[in-house]
Protein backbone atom coordinates (compact mmCIF):
# COMPACT_ATOMS: atom_id res chain seq x y z
CA UNK A 1 153.96 7.17 53.84
CA UNK A 2 155.20 10.62 54.54
CA UNK A 3 156.24 12.63 57.71
CA UNK A 4 153.12 14.59 57.70
CA UNK A 5 150.99 11.75 56.56
CA UNK A 6 152.24 9.65 59.31
CA UNK A 7 151.67 12.63 61.91
CA UNK A 8 148.31 13.07 60.67
CA UNK A 9 147.01 9.30 60.97
CA UNK A 10 148.58 8.91 63.91
CA UNK A 11 146.17 12.23 64.87
CA UNK A 12 143.34 10.55 63.68
CA UNK A 13 143.75 7.37 65.24
CA UNK A 14 144.41 8.78 68.54
CA UNK A 15 141.63 11.32 68.46
CA UNK A 16 139.49 8.14 67.65
CA UNK A 17 140.57 6.73 70.20
CA UNK A 18 139.58 9.44 72.43
CA UNK A 19 136.77 10.14 71.86
CA UNK A 20 135.04 6.62 71.51
CA UNK A 21 131.87 5.95 73.68
CA UNK A 22 132.56 6.05 77.54
CA UNK A 23 131.83 2.60 79.33
CA UNK A 24 129.54 2.76 81.67
CA UNK A 25 127.84 -0.22 83.88
CA UNK A 26 124.85 0.17 86.08
CA UNK A 27 124.51 -2.52 89.20
CA UNK A 28 120.60 -2.39 90.53
CA UNK A 29 120.52 -2.69 94.19
CA UNK A 30 120.13 -6.20 95.87
CA UNK A 31 117.19 -6.46 98.17
CA UNK A 32 118.02 -6.42 102.50
CA UNK A 33 117.21 -8.27 104.74
CA UNK A 34 115.82 -6.37 107.80
CA UNK A 35 113.59 -5.92 110.68
CA UNK A 36 111.51 -3.00 111.38
CA UNK A 37 109.98 -4.61 114.36
CA UNK A 38 111.63 -4.94 117.71
CA UNK A 39 110.57 -6.21 121.21
CA UNK A 40 112.35 -4.40 124.32
CA UNK A 41 111.67 -6.23 127.17
CA UNK A 42 110.64 -3.34 129.31
CA UNK A 43 107.58 -1.80 130.66
CA UNK A 44 105.72 0.48 127.49
CA UNK A 45 106.98 4.02 129.89
CA UNK A 46 110.20 2.85 129.81
CA UNK A 47 110.41 2.92 126.82
CA UNK A 48 108.69 5.54 125.89
CA UNK A 49 111.01 7.76 127.53
CA UNK A 50 113.52 6.21 125.94
CA UNK A 51 112.32 7.01 122.43
CA UNK A 52 110.83 10.33 122.83
CA UNK A 53 114.69 11.09 124.70
CA UNK A 54 116.64 9.73 121.43
CA UNK A 55 114.66 11.77 118.76
CA UNK A 56 114.18 15.39 120.57
CA UNK A 57 118.33 14.91 120.64
CA UNK A 58 118.68 13.29 116.86
CA UNK A 59 118.46 14.89 113.50
CA UNK A 60 114.88 13.56 113.34
CA UNK A 61 112.13 16.30 113.61
CA UNK A 62 108.78 14.62 115.85
CA UNK A 63 106.23 16.20 113.84
CA UNK A 64 102.91 14.71 116.20
CA UNK A 65 103.20 12.19 119.31
CA UNK A 66 100.95 11.00 121.56
CA UNK A 67 101.61 8.39 123.70
CA UNK A 68 97.99 6.61 124.27
CA UNK A 69 97.92 5.68 121.00
CA UNK A 70 101.42 5.32 121.24
CA UNK A 71 102.27 6.69 117.93
CA UNK A 72 105.39 9.24 116.92
CA UNK A 73 105.91 10.63 113.68
CA UNK A 74 108.94 11.96 112.74
CA UNK A 75 110.22 13.94 109.47
CA UNK A 76 113.69 13.73 108.20
CA UNK A 77 116.01 15.04 105.62
CA UNK A 78 119.45 14.33 104.91
CA UNK A 79 122.69 13.30 103.06
CA UNK A 80 120.20 10.68 100.41
CA UNK A 81 123.88 8.43 100.56
CA UNK A 82 123.06 7.92 104.17
CA UNK A 83 119.76 7.18 103.96
CA UNK A 84 119.05 5.94 100.43
CA UNK A 85 120.73 2.92 98.31
CA UNK A 86 120.09 3.38 94.16
CA UNK A 87 122.72 0.75 93.21
CA UNK A 88 126.68 1.68 91.55
CA UNK A 89 127.29 3.82 88.84
CA UNK A 90 130.84 3.22 86.87
CA UNK A 91 132.27 5.13 83.99
CA UNK A 92 134.96 4.54 81.89
CA UNK A 93 135.55 7.98 81.12
CA UNK A 94 137.37 8.88 77.77
CA UNK A 95 138.95 11.86 76.36
CA UNK A 96 135.48 14.46 76.66
CA UNK A 97 133.35 12.58 79.43
CA UNK A 98 135.35 11.68 82.88
CA UNK A 99 135.25 8.48 84.66
CA UNK A 100 133.10 8.51 87.79
CA UNK A 101 132.79 5.13 90.38
CA UNK A 102 130.51 5.23 93.25
CA UNK A 103 127.29 5.34 93.88
CA UNK A 104 124.20 6.31 91.50
CA UNK A 105 124.19 9.09 94.17
CA UNK A 106 126.73 10.34 95.15
CA UNK A 107 126.53 10.55 90.67
CA UNK A 108 123.42 12.13 90.71
CA UNK A 109 124.83 14.76 93.41
CA UNK A 110 127.25 15.64 91.41
CA UNK A 111 125.78 15.56 87.92
CA UNK A 112 122.03 17.19 89.46
CA UNK A 113 120.87 18.73 91.99
CA UNK A 114 119.27 16.36 94.80
CA UNK A 115 117.50 15.68 97.78
CA UNK A 116 115.91 13.84 100.12
CA UNK A 117 113.04 14.44 102.84
CA UNK A 118 111.66 11.66 104.30
CA UNK A 119 108.40 10.74 106.83
CA UNK A 120 109.04 8.21 109.87
CA UNK A 121 106.05 6.71 112.30
CA UNK A 122 107.09 5.05 114.98
CA UNK A 123 104.36 2.75 116.72
CA UNK A 124 104.70 1.56 120.46
CA UNK A 125 102.78 -1.33 121.38
CA UNK A 126 102.26 -2.60 124.92
CA UNK A 127 102.44 -6.63 124.77
CA UNK A 128 102.64 -7.29 128.30
CA UNK A 129 103.69 -5.12 131.41
CA UNK A 130 107.41 -6.27 131.22
CA UNK A 131 107.63 -6.72 127.18
CA UNK A 132 107.41 -3.72 124.00
CA UNK A 133 107.23 -3.89 121.13
CA UNK A 134 108.09 -0.64 118.58
CA UNK A 135 107.66 -0.81 114.92
CA UNK A 136 108.87 1.95 112.46
CA UNK A 137 108.45 2.43 108.89
CA UNK A 138 109.50 4.76 106.99
CA UNK A 139 108.43 6.83 103.33
CA UNK A 140 110.99 7.91 101.44
CA UNK A 141 110.86 10.98 98.47
CA UNK A 142 114.55 11.30 96.77
CA UNK A 143 114.22 14.06 93.59
CA UNK A 144 117.08 14.78 91.23
CA UNK A 145 116.63 17.83 89.16
CA UNK A 146 119.17 17.95 85.73
CA UNK A 147 119.35 21.20 84.55
CA UNK A 148 121.16 20.58 81.58
CA UNK A 149 118.46 22.40 79.09
CA UNK A 150 115.90 24.50 78.23
CA UNK A 151 113.63 22.25 79.66
CA UNK A 152 114.52 20.85 83.71
CA UNK A 153 114.38 17.17 83.65
CA UNK A 154 113.39 16.30 87.01
CA UNK A 155 113.21 12.20 88.75
CA UNK A 156 111.48 11.37 91.67
CA UNK A 157 111.43 8.10 93.94
CA UNK A 158 108.73 6.98 96.75
CA UNK A 159 108.72 3.95 98.56
CA UNK A 160 108.47 2.75 102.48
CA UNK A 161 110.66 0.75 104.30
CA UNK A 162 110.81 -2.83 102.81
CA UNK A 163 110.10 -1.68 98.88
CA UNK A 164 111.52 0.18 96.29
CA UNK A 165 111.18 2.34 93.34
CA UNK A 166 112.28 1.85 89.98
CA UNK A 167 112.02 5.00 87.79
CA UNK A 168 112.48 4.59 83.93
CA UNK A 169 115.35 7.71 83.17
CA UNK A 170 114.85 10.59 79.68
CA UNK A 171 117.74 9.19 77.19
CA UNK A 172 119.00 5.91 79.28
CA UNK A 173 122.37 4.78 78.59
CA UNK A 174 122.43 1.97 75.60
CA UNK A 175 123.25 -0.83 76.70
CA UNK A 176 121.69 -0.60 80.24
CA UNK A 177 118.58 -1.35 81.88
CA UNK A 178 116.15 2.65 81.06
CA UNK A 179 115.80 2.10 85.23
CA UNK A 180 116.88 3.69 88.35
CA UNK A 181 116.23 1.17 91.40
CA UNK A 182 116.22 2.74 94.65
CA UNK A 183 115.28 1.33 98.02
CA UNK A 184 116.63 2.37 101.87
CA UNK A 185 119.99 1.49 102.98
CA UNK A 186 117.35 1.27 106.83
CA UNK A 187 120.30 3.53 108.56
CA UNK A 188 117.29 5.45 109.44
CA UNK A 189 115.42 2.67 110.99
CA UNK A 190 118.47 1.37 112.61
CA UNK A 191 119.08 4.43 114.32
CA UNK A 192 115.66 4.39 115.57
CA UNK A 193 115.50 0.83 116.55
CA UNK A 194 119.13 0.33 118.05
CA UNK A 195 119.10 3.97 120.50
CA UNK A 196 115.80 3.26 121.86
CA UNK A 197 117.18 -0.11 123.20
CA UNK A 198 120.14 0.91 124.64
CA UNK A 199 118.11 4.09 125.98
CA UNK A 200 115.93 1.81 127.56
CA UNK A 201 118.63 -0.60 129.29
CA UNK A 202 117.79 -3.67 127.08
CA UNK A 203 120.99 -4.14 125.47
């Protein structure tokens, strides 16, 4: 083989190797055991004041509250990666596709427009004169829009505390599940419960 042919063969082999399909791995987020209810050894008024004090200074916005019924409705929007777990996304890249290792939410944020909105109901119950119960339930709406073609591709995941949502994606990567699953990290629920526990003096 002449020197010119050897160079051409090497260049062809290098091109084929560098353009081999990227290896992609996706792991579904595992279920997480969490409690959304907390018993506090304090009277109702003390717990209610602590709850109002906390949410009025937090990133949560109060849309409605009624002390007699013990219900507070909050709304929030935040970095999706803080409140939502959609599993891990790992790409062993090539010359055309960059490598990536991290959460699927981070990958979405890098390649599309992503937003998270949420609504949370916080219920306060008077169990006895000295014991109060708080229950937190949130609804999450995660939306991603990819503008890679003429028509935007939008996927939406809607799920509550204690549940998850699995959405089929367009043009799924060959060899892995065609759906992406998202569930709460429970950071939002914990922020409420732990703060009220501390502020009410029930640590």
